[in-house]
Amino acid sequence: MEISCQLFGPLRETVGEKTVAVEVETGATVAEALRALCEAHPGLEDRLFEGGELAFSSVTVTRNGRHVTQEEGGETVLDEGDTLRLAPPVVGGSG
């Protein structure tokens, strides 16, 4: 099945595109889809994974507009046509 990955900030710079289609097996998880993305685009793995696990401290991942940590994290099962958005986490603010 095909899903879409929208990339922002340094992730977009690494890939060179804003949106990338990723082909995964039916029933694939967020982590599996992001591993497939990393295989197709060297340089992303260090930005997305730490010690084999998704690095949620380094990247914000949403599935169809909902943060995957509000679902099952990297184990969230994907559906055909889902959109993953990957962006640097938002930090800071004015005091």
PDB file of N, CA and C in Angstrom:
ATOM      1  N   MET A   1       0.850  -1.177   0.000  1.00  0.00           N
ATOM      2  CA  MET A   1       0.000   0.000   0.000  1.00  0.00           C
ATOM      3  C   MET A   1       0.892   1.234   0.000  1.00  0.00           C
ATOM      4  N   GLU A   2       0.322   2.354  -0.387  1.00  0.00           N
ATOM      5  CA  GLU A   2       1.106   3.588  -0.458  1.00  0.00           C
ATOM      6  C   GLU A   2       0.628   4.584   0.590  1.00  0.00           C
ATOM      7  N   ILE A   3       1.607   5.184   1.259  1.00  0.00           N
ATOM      8  CA  ILE A   3       1.336   6.292   2.167  1.00  0.00           C
ATOM      9  C   ILE A   3       2.161   7.487   1.699  1.00  0.00           C
ATOM     10  N   SER A   4       1.854   8.639   2.245  1.00  0.00           N
ATOM     11  CA  SER A   4       2.565   9.864   1.890  1.00  0.00           C
ATOM     12  C   SER A   4       3.294  10.384   3.123  1.00  0.00           C
ATOM     13  N   CYS A   5       4.518  10.839   2.932  1.00  0.00           N
ATOM     14  CA  CYS A   5       5.290  11.462   4.008  1.00  0.00           C
ATOM     15  C   CYS A   5       5.574  12.908   3.621  1.00  0.00           C
ATOM     16  N   GLN A   6       5.116  13.836   4.446  1.00  0.00           N
ATOM     17  CA  GLN A   6       5.413  15.251   4.248  1.00  0.00           C
ATOM     18  C   GLN A   6       6.537  15.617   5.198  1.00  0.00           C
ATOM     19  N   LEU A   7       7.568  16.246   4.659  1.00  0.00           N
ATOM     20  CA  LEU A   7       8.777  16.535   5.417  1.00  0.00           C
ATOM     21  C   LEU A   7       8.968  18.038   5.575  1.00  0.00           C
ATOM     22  N   PHE A   8       9.460  18.439   6.743  1.00  0.00           N
ATOM     23  CA  PHE A   8       9.657  19.851   7.041  1.00  0.00           C
ATOM     24  C   PHE A   8      11.060  20.074   7.604  1.00  0.00           C
ATOM     25  N   GLY A   9      11.533  21.303   7.481  1.00  0.00           N
ATOM     26  CA  GLY A   9      12.824  21.703   8.037  1.00  0.00           C
ATOM     27  C   GLY A   9      13.977  20.890   7.491  1.00  0.00           C
ATOM     28  N   PRO A  10      14.897  20.477   8.376  1.00  0.00           N
ATOM     29  CA  PRO A  10      16.088  19.762   7.922  1.00  0.00           C
ATOM     30  C   PRO A  10      15.772  18.413   7.280  1.00  0.00           C
ATOM     31  N   LEU A  11      14.629  17.822   7.605  1.00  0.00           N
ATOM     32  CA  LEU A  11      14.251  16.560   6.973  1.00  0.00           C
ATOM     33  C   LEU A  11      13.977  16.777   5.490  1.00  0.00           C
ATOM     34  N   ARG A  12      13.284  17.871   5.173  1.00  0.00           N
ATOM     35  CA  ARG A  12      13.025  18.210   3.767  1.00  0.00           C
ATOM     36  C   ARG A  12      14.334  18.493   3.047  1.00  0.00           C
ATOM     37  N   GLU A  13      15.241  19.203   3.715  1.00  0.00           N
ATOM     38  CA  GLU A  13      16.536  19.514   3.100  1.00  0.00           C
ATOM     39  C   GLU A  13      17.320  18.235   2.795  1.00  0.00           C
ATOM     40  N   THR A  14      17.257  17.264   3.689  1.00  0.00           N
ATOM     41  CA  THR A  14      17.975  16.007   3.492  1.00  0.00           C
ATOM     42  C   THR A  14      17.432  15.240   2.292  1.00  0.00           C
ATOM     43  N   VAL A  15      16.116  15.202   2.150  1.00  0.00           N
ATOM     44  CA  VAL A  15      15.471  14.448   1.073  1.00  0.00           C
ATOM     45  C   VAL A  15      15.424  15.239  -0.229  1.00  0.00           C
ATOM     46  N   GLY A  16      15.279  16.556  -0.113  1.00  0.00           N
ATOM     47  CA  GLY A  16      15.206  17.397  -1.301  1.00  0.00           C
ATOM     48  C   GLY A  16      13.804  17.553  -1.862  1.00  0.00           C
ATOM     49  N   GLU A  17      12.809  17.034  -1.149  1.00  0.00           N
ATOM     50  CA  GLU A  17      11.410  17.146  -1.566  1.00  0.00           C
ATOM     51  C   GLU A  17      10.534  17.360  -0.344  1.00  0.00           C
ATOM     52  N   LYS A  18       9.372  17.979  -0.566  1.00  0.00           N
ATOM     53  CA  LYS A  18       8.437  18.196   0.543  1.00  0.00           C
ATOM     54  C   LYS A  18       7.606  16.951   0.815  1.00  0.00           C
ATOM     55  N   THR A  19       7.178  16.263  -0.236  1.00  0.00           N
ATOM     56  CA  THR A  19       6.310  15.101  -0.083  1.00  0.00           C
ATOM     57  C   THR A  19       6.907  13.919  -0.821  1.00  0.00           C
ATOM     58  N   VAL A  20       6.920  12.773  -0.140  1.00  0.00           N
ATOM     59  CA  VAL A  20       7.481  11.548  -0.692  1.00  0.00           C
ATOM     60  C   VAL A  20       6.468  10.421  -0.495  1.00  0.00           C
ATOM     61  N   ALA A  21       6.220   9.655  -1.544  1.00  0.00           N
ATOM     62  CA  ALA A  21       5.380   8.463  -1.430  1.00  0.00           C
ATOM     63  C   ALA A  21       6.238   7.294  -0.948  1.00  0.00           C
ATOM     64  N   VAL A  22       5.686   6.502  -0.026  1.00  0.00           N
ATOM     65  CA  VAL A  22       6.394   5.341   0.507  1.00  0.00           C
ATOM     66  C   VAL A  22       5.494   4.122   0.336  1.00  0.00           C
ATOM     67  N   GLU A  23       6.066   3.073  -0.212  1.00  0.00           N
ATOM     68  CA  GLU A  23       5.345   1.818  -0.417  1.00  0.00           C
ATOM     69  C   GLU A  23       5.655   0.898   0.761  1.00  0.00           C
ATOM     70  N   VAL A  24       4.606   0.417   1.451  1.00  0.00           N
ATOM     71  CA  VAL A  24       4.763  -0.478   2.598  1.00  0.00           C
ATOM     72  C   VAL A  24       3.759  -1.623   2.476  1.00  0.00           C
ATOM     73  N   GLU A  25       3.998  -2.674   3.246  1.00  0.00           N
ATOM     74  CA  GLU A  25       3.072  -3.801   3.289  1.00  0.00           C
ATOM     75  C   GLU A  25       1.779  -3.392   3.990  1.00  0.00           C
ATOM     76  N   THR A  26       0.681  -3.995   3.621  1.00  0.00           N
ATOM     77  CA  THR A  26      -0.585  -3.771   4.312  1.00  0.00           C
ATOM     78  C   THR A  26      -0.396  -4.125   5.783  1.00  0.00           C
ATOM     79  N   GLY A  27      -0.880  -3.269   6.664  1.00  0.00           N
ATOM     80  CA  GLY A  27      -0.733  -3.488   8.099  1.00  0.00           C
ATOM     81  C   GLY A  27       0.573  -2.977   8.673  1.00  0.00           C
ATOM     82  N   ALA A  28       1.360  -2.275   7.869  1.00  0.00           N
ATOM     83  CA  ALA A  28       2.643  -1.736   8.341  1.00  0.00           C
ATOM     84  C   ALA A  28       2.418  -0.696   9.429  1.00  0.00           C
ATOM     85  N   THR A  29       3.433  -0.535  10.251  1.00  0.00           N
ATOM     86  CA  THR A  29       3.379   0.450  11.334  1.00  0.00           C
ATOM     87  C   THR A  29       4.106   1.732  10.919  1.00  0.00           C
ATOM     88  N   VAL A  30       3.938   2.764  11.728  1.00  0.00           N
ATOM     89  CA  VAL A  30       4.643   4.021  11.507  1.00  0.00           C
ATOM     90  C   VAL A  30       6.148   3.769  11.468  1.00  0.00           C
ATOM     91  N   ALA A  31       6.673   3.011  12.417  1.00  0.00           N
ATOM     92  CA  ALA A  31       8.112   2.749  12.460  1.00  0.00           C
ATOM     93  C   ALA A  31       8.579   2.028  11.201  1.00  0.00           C
ATOM     94  N   GLU A  32       7.810   1.057  10.718  1.00  0.00           N
ATOM     95  CA  GLU A  32       8.183   0.334   9.507  1.00  0.00           C
ATOM     96  C   GLU A  32       8.179   1.262   8.288  1.00  0.00           C
ATOM     97  N   ALA A  33       7.194   2.134   8.217  1.00  0.00           N
ATOM     98  CA  ALA A  33       7.127   3.081   7.101  1.00  0.00           C
ATOM     99  C   ALA A  33       8.318   4.038   7.136  1.00  0.00           C
ATOM    100  N   LEU A  34       8.691   4.484   8.322  1.00  0.00           N
ATOM    101  CA  LEU A  34       9.809   5.415   8.421  1.00  0.00           C
ATOM    102  C   LEU A  34      11.136   4.719   8.148  1.00  0.00           C
ATOM    103  N   ARG A  35      11.237   3.437   8.453  1.00  0.00           N
ATOM    104  CA  ARG A  35      12.440   2.686   8.081  1.00  0.00           C
ATOM    105  C   ARG A  35      12.533   2.576   6.557  1.00  0.00           C
ATOM    106  N   ALA A  36      11.398   2.338   5.904  1.00  0.00           N
ATOM    107  CA  ALA A  36      11.379   2.280   4.438  1.00  0.00           C
ATOM    108  C   ALA A  36      11.779   3.625   3.846  1.00  0.00           C
ATOM    109  N   LEU A  37      11.316   4.707   4.462  1.00  0.00           N
ATOM    110  CA  LEU A  37      11.692   6.051   4.025  1.00  0.00           C
ATOM    111  C   LEU A  37      13.202   6.241   4.161  1.00  0.00           C
ATOM    112  N   CYS A  38      13.765   5.782   5.277  1.00  0.00           N
ATOM    113  CA  CYS A  38      15.210   5.906   5.504  1.00  0.00           C
ATOM    114  C   CYS A  38      16.019   5.094   4.498  1.00  0.00           C
ATOM    115  N   GLU A  39      15.520   3.915   4.126  1.00  0.00           N
ATOM    116  CA  GLU A  39      16.216   3.096   3.137  1.00  0.00           C
ATOM    117  C   GLU A  39      16.279   3.812   1.790  1.00  0.00           C
ATOM    118  N   ALA A  40      15.205   4.517   1.455  1.00  0.00           N
ATOM    119  CA  ALA A  40      15.146   5.225   0.172  1.00  0.00           C
ATOM    120  C   ALA A  40      15.910   6.543   0.196  1.00  0.00           C
ATOM    121  N   HIS A  41      16.129   7.088   1.394  1.00  0.00           N
ATOM    122  CA  HIS A  41      16.758   8.406   1.521  1.00  0.00           C
ATOM    123  C   HIS A  41      17.832   8.371   2.618  1.00  0.00           C
ATOM    124  N   PRO A  42      19.039   7.945   2.240  1.00  0.00           N
ATOM    125  CA  PRO A  42      20.135   7.897   3.214  1.00  0.00           C
ATOM    126  C   PRO A  42      20.325   9.268   3.877  1.00  0.00           C
ATOM    127  N   GLY A  43      20.644   9.237   5.141  1.00  0.00           N
ATOM    128  CA  GLY A  43      20.832  10.479   5.883  1.00  0.00           C
ATOM    129  C   GLY A  43      19.686  10.769   6.819  1.00  0.00           C
ATOM    130  N   LEU A  44      18.543  10.126   6.603  1.00  0.00           N
ATOM    131  CA  LEU A  44      17.392  10.364   7.479  1.00  0.00           C
ATOM    132  C   LEU A  44      17.444   9.541   8.764  1.00  0.00           C
ATOM    133  N   GLU A  45      18.056   8.365   8.704  1.00  0.00           N
ATOM    134  CA  GLU A  45      17.993   7.458   9.851  1.00  0.00           C
ATOM    135  C   GLU A  45      18.513   8.103  11.134  1.00  0.00           C
ATOM    136  N   ASP A  46      19.624   8.827  11.052  1.00  0.00           N
ATOM    137  CA  ASP A  46      20.173   9.469  12.249  1.00  0.00           C
ATOM    138  C   ASP A  46      19.249  10.547  12.799  1.00  0.00           C
ATOM    139  N   ARG A  47      18.392  11.093  11.954  1.00  0.00           N
ATOM    140  CA  ARG A  47      17.459  12.132  12.394  1.00  0.00           C
ATOM    141  C   ARG A  47      16.167  11.542  12.952  1.00  0.00           C
ATOM    142  N   LEU A  48      15.831  10.309  12.546  1.00  0.00           N
ATOM    143  CA  LEU A  48      14.546   9.723  12.936  1.00  0.00           C
ATOM    144  C   LEU A  48      14.637   8.645  14.007  1.00  0.00           C
ATOM    145  N   PHE A  49      15.790   7.979  14.127  1.00  0.00           N
ATOM    146  CA  PHE A  49      15.919   6.858  15.052  1.00  0.00           C
ATOM    147  C   PHE A  49      17.107   7.044  15.985  1.00  0.00           C
ATOM    148  N   GLU A  50      16.926   6.579  17.217  1.00  0.00           N
ATOM    149  CA  GLU A  50      18.010   6.539  18.216  1.00  0.00           C
ATOM    150  C   GLU A  50      17.975   5.161  18.851  1.00  0.00           C
ATOM    151  N   GLY A  51      19.075   4.428  18.749  1.00  0.00           N
ATOM    152  CA  GLY A  51      19.117   3.091  19.342  1.00  0.00           C
ATOM    153  C   GLY A  51      18.045   2.165  18.798  1.00  0.00           C
ATOM    154  N   GLY A  52      17.688   2.327  17.536  1.00  0.00           N
ATOM    155  CA  GLY A  52      16.696   1.468  16.916  1.00  0.00           C
ATOM    156  C   GLY A  52      15.258   1.877  17.139  1.00  0.00           C
ATOM    157  N   GLU A  53      15.036   2.885  17.970  1.00  0.00           N
ATOM    158  CA  GLU A  53      13.678   3.360  18.274  1.00  0.00           C
ATOM    159  C   GLU A  53      13.454   4.729  17.648  1.00  0.00           C
ATOM    160  N   LEU A  54      12.196   5.031  17.346  1.00  0.00           N
ATOM    161  CA  LEU A  54      11.873   6.362  16.843  1.00  0.00           C
ATOM    162  C   LEU A  54      12.291   7.415  17.857  1.00  0.00           C
ATOM    163  N   ALA A  55      12.920   8.470  17.384  1.00  0.00           N
ATOM    164  CA  ALA A  55      13.447   9.534  18.250  1.00  0.00           C
ATOM    165  C   ALA A  55      12.423  10.656  18.361  1.00  0.00           C
ATOM    166  N   PHE A  56      11.387  10.430  19.175  1.00  0.00           N
ATOM    167  CA  PHE A  56      10.331  11.433  19.305  1.00  0.00           C
ATOM    168  C   PHE A  56      10.829  12.740  19.920  1.00  0.00           C
ATOM    169  N   SER A  57      12.003  12.723  20.553  1.00  0.00           N
ATOM    170  CA  SER A  57      12.564  13.972  21.069  1.00  0.00           C
ATOM    171  C   SER A  57      13.185  14.802  19.943  1.00  0.00           C
ATOM    172  N   SER A  58      13.456  14.166  18.798  1.00  0.00           N
ATOM    173  CA  SER A  58      14.099  14.852  17.668  1.00  0.00           C
ATOM    174  C   SER A  58      13.159  15.138  16.512  1.00  0.00           C
ATOM    175  N   VAL A  59      12.005  14.484  16.502  1.00  0.00           N
ATOM    176  CA  VAL A  59      11.071  14.657  15.387  1.00  0.00           C
ATOM    177  C   VAL A  59       9.634  14.509  15.893  1.00  0.00           C
ATOM    178  N   THR A  60       8.771  15.355  15.380  1.00  0.00           N
ATOM    179  CA  THR A  60       7.345  15.252  15.653  1.00  0.00           C
ATOM    180  C   THR A  60       6.708  14.523  14.480  1.00  0.00           C
ATOM    181  N   VAL A  61       5.980  13.446  14.782  1.00  0.00           N
ATOM    182  CA  VAL A  61       5.349  12.637  13.739  1.00  0.00           C
ATOM    183  C   VAL A  61       3.841  12.653  13.950  1.00  0.00           C
ATOM    184  N   THR A  62       3.108  13.070  12.922  1.00  0.00           N
ATOM    185  CA  THR A  62       1.652  12.998  12.984  1.00  0.00           C
ATOM    186  C   THR A  62       1.149  12.090  11.866  1.00  0.00           C
ATOM    187  N   ARG A  63       0.037  11.444  12.130  1.00  0.00           N
ATOM    188  CA  ARG A  63      -0.644  10.605  11.138  1.00  0.00           C
ATOM    189  C   ARG A  63      -2.013  11.216  10.909  1.00  0.00           C
ATOM    190  N   ASN A  64      -2.232  11.700   9.710  1.00  0.00           N
ATOM    191  CA  ASN A  64      -3.508  12.335   9.361  1.00  0.00           C
ATOM    192  C   ASN A  64      -3.888  13.424  10.359  1.00  0.00           C
ATOM    193  N   GLY A  65      -2.873  14.192  10.805  1.00  0.00           N
ATOM    194  CA  GLY A  65      -3.105  15.336  11.682  1.00  0.00           C
ATOM    195  C   GLY A  65      -3.091  15.033  13.165  1.00  0.00           C
ATOM    196  N   ARG A  66      -2.939  13.782  13.551  1.00  0.00           N
ATOM    197  CA  ARG A  66      -2.921  13.423  14.974  1.00  0.00           C
ATOM    198  C   ARG A  66      -1.537  12.900  15.354  1.00  0.00           C
ATOM    199  N   HIS A  67      -0.996  13.436  16.441  1.00  0.00           N
ATOM    200  CA  HIS A  67       0.334  13.047  16.900  1.00  0.00           C
ATOM    201  C   HIS A  67       0.334  11.553  17.207  1.00  0.00           C
ATOM    202  N   VAL A  68       1.289  10.794  16.646  1.00  0.00           N
ATOM    203  CA  VAL A  68       1.287   9.337  16.823  1.00  0.00           C
ATOM    204  C   VAL A  68       1.521   8.920  18.267  1.00  0.00           C
ATOM    205  N   THR A  69       2.103   9.788  19.091  1.00  0.00           N
ATOM    206  CA  THR A  69       2.256   9.432  20.502  1.00  0.00           C
ATOM    207  C   THR A  69       0.905   9.418  21.215  1.00  0.00           C
ATOM    208  N   GLN A  70      -0.129   9.997  20.608  1.00  0.00           N
ATOM    209  CA  GLN A  70      -1.484   9.921  21.160  1.00  0.00           C
ATOM    210  C   GLN A  70      -2.179   8.639  20.717  1.00  0.00           C
ATOM    211  N   GLU A  71      -1.520   7.898  19.829  1.00  0.00           N
ATOM    212  CA  GLU A  71      -2.033   6.601  19.388  1.00  0.00           C
ATOM    213  C   GLU A  71      -1.117   5.531  19.977  1.00  0.00           C
ATOM    214  N   GLU A  72      -0.452   4.767  19.129  1.00  0.00           N
ATOM    215  CA  GLU A  72       0.432   3.693  19.599  1.00  0.00           C
ATOM    216  C   GLU A  72       1.901   3.975  19.295  1.00  0.00           C
ATOM    217  N   GLY A  73       2.250   5.257  19.117  1.00  0.00           N
ATOM    218  CA  GLY A  73       3.628   5.618  18.810  1.00  0.00           C
ATOM    219  C   GLY A  73       4.087   4.974  17.521  1.00  0.00           C
ATOM    220  N   GLY A  74       5.290   4.438  17.513  1.00  0.00           N
ATOM    221  CA  GLY A  74       5.843   3.796  16.326  1.00  0.00           C
ATOM    222  C   GLY A  74       5.088   2.547  15.914  1.00  0.00           C
ATOM    223  N   GLU A  75       4.319   1.979  16.821  1.00  0.00           N
ATOM    224  CA  GLU A  75       3.548   0.768  16.530  1.00  0.00           C
ATOM    225  C   GLU A  75       2.161   1.068  15.971  1.00  0.00           C
ATOM    226  N   THR A  76       1.848   2.345  15.731  1.00  0.00           N
ATOM    227  CA  THR A  76       0.568   2.723  15.142  1.00  0.00           C
ATOM    228  C   THR A  76       0.458   2.102  13.752  1.00  0.00           C
ATOM    229  N   VAL A  77      -0.609   1.371  13.513  1.00  0.00           N
ATOM    230  CA  VAL A  77      -0.822   0.703  12.221  1.00  0.00           C
ATOM    231  C   VAL A  77      -1.370   1.715  11.219  1.00  0.00           C
ATOM    232  N   LEU A  78      -0.811   1.663  10.022  1.00  0.00           N
ATOM    233  CA  LEU A  78      -1.190   2.596   8.959  1.00  0.00           C
ATOM    234  C   LEU A  78      -2.251   1.999   8.040  1.00  0.00           C
ATOM    235  N   ASP A  79      -2.997   2.887   7.395  1.00  0.00           N
ATOM    236  CA  ASP A  79      -3.982   2.508   6.389  1.00  0.00           C
ATOM    237  C   ASP A  79      -3.564   3.094   5.047  1.00  0.00           C
ATOM    238  N   GLU A  80      -4.021   2.483   3.973  1.00  0.00           N
ATOM    239  CA  GLU A  80      -3.776   2.979   2.624  1.00  0.00           C
ATOM    240  C   GLU A  80      -4.135   4.460   2.553  1.00  0.00           C
ATOM    241  N   GLY A  81      -3.225   5.263   1.991  1.00  0.00           N
ATOM    242  CA  GLY A  81      -3.493   6.680   1.788  1.00  0.00           C
ATOM    243  C   GLY A  81      -3.211   7.572   2.983  1.00  0.00           C
ATOM    244  N   ASP A  82      -2.764   7.007   4.109  1.00  0.00           N
ATOM    245  CA  ASP A  82      -2.428   7.842   5.269  1.00  0.00           C
ATOM    246  C   ASP A  82      -1.323   8.829   4.909  1.00  0.00           C
ATOM    247  N   THR A  83      -1.295   9.929   5.644  1.00  0.00           N
ATOM    248  CA  THR A  83      -0.235  10.922   5.493  1.00  0.00           C
ATOM    249  C   THR A  83       0.494  11.068   6.820  1.00  0.00           C
ATOM    250  N   LEU A  84       1.803  10.858   6.768  1.00  0.00           N
ATOM    251  CA  LEU A  84       2.661  11.118   7.925  1.00  0.00           C
ATOM    252  C   LEU A  84       3.340  12.461   7.693  1.00  0.00           C
ATOM    253  N   ARG A  85       3.312  13.308   8.714  1.00  0.00           N
ATOM    254  CA  ARG A  85       4.040  14.586   8.651  1.00  0.00           C
ATOM    255  C   ARG A  85       5.184  14.490   9.652  1.00  0.00           C
ATOM    256  N   LEU A  86       6.380  14.817   9.183  1.00  0.00           N
ATOM    257  CA  LEU A  86       7.572  14.755  10.027  1.00  0.00           C
ATOM    258  C   LEU A  86       8.198  16.136  10.092  1.00  0.00           C
ATOM    259  N   ALA A  87       8.338  16.641  11.308  1.00  0.00           N
ATOM    260  CA  ALA A  87       8.878  17.984  11.504  1.00  0.00           C
ATOM    261  C   ALA A  87       9.724  18.032  12.756  1.00  0.00           C
ATOM    262  N   PRO A  88      10.636  18.996  12.807  1.00  0.00           N
ATOM    263  CA  PRO A  88      11.375  19.196  14.052  1.00  0.00           C
ATOM    264  C   PRO A  88      10.381  19.573  15.143  1.00  0.00           C
ATOM    265  N   PRO A  89      10.641  19.180  16.385  1.00  0.00           N
ATOM    266  CA  PRO A  89       9.718  19.546  17.455  1.00  0.00           C
ATOM    267  C   PRO A  89       9.705  21.067  17.655  1.00  0.00           C
ATOM    268  N   VAL A  90       8.579  21.569  18.079  1.00  0.00           N
ATOM    269  CA  VAL A  90       8.452  22.996  18.372  1.00  0.00           C
ATOM    270  C   VAL A  90       8.863  23.200  19.818  1.00  0.00           C
ATOM    271  N   VAL A  91       9.822  24.099  20.028  1.00  0.00           N
ATOM    272  CA  VAL A  91      10.299  24.377  21.378  1.00  0.00           C
ATOM    273  C   VAL A  91      10.430  25.876  21.565  1.00  0.00           C
ATOM    274  N   GLY A  92      10.536  26.253  22.810  1.00  0.00           N
ATOM    275  CA  GLY A  92      10.776  27.658  23.128  1.00  0.00           C
ATOM    276  C   GLY A  92       9.508  28.470  23.163  1.00  0.00           C
ATOM    277  N   GLY A  93       9.688  29.755  23.066  1.00  0.00           N
ATOM    278  CA  GLY A  93       8.565  30.677  23.142  1.00  0.00           C
ATOM    279  C   GLY A  93       9.020  31.943  23.827  1.00  0.00           C
ATOM    280  N   SER A  94       8.146  32.896  23.875  1.00  0.00           N
ATOM    281  CA  SER A  94       8.518  34.148  24.529  1.00  0.00           C
ATOM    282  C   SER A  94       8.095  34.100  25.983  1.00  0.00           C
ATOM    283  N   GLY A  95       8.883  34.728  26.801  1.00  0.00           N
ATOM    284  CA  GLY A  95       8.647  34.698  28.236  1.00  0.00           C
ATOM    285  C   GLY A  95       7.957  35.900  28.656  1.00  0.00           C
TER     286      GLY A  95
END
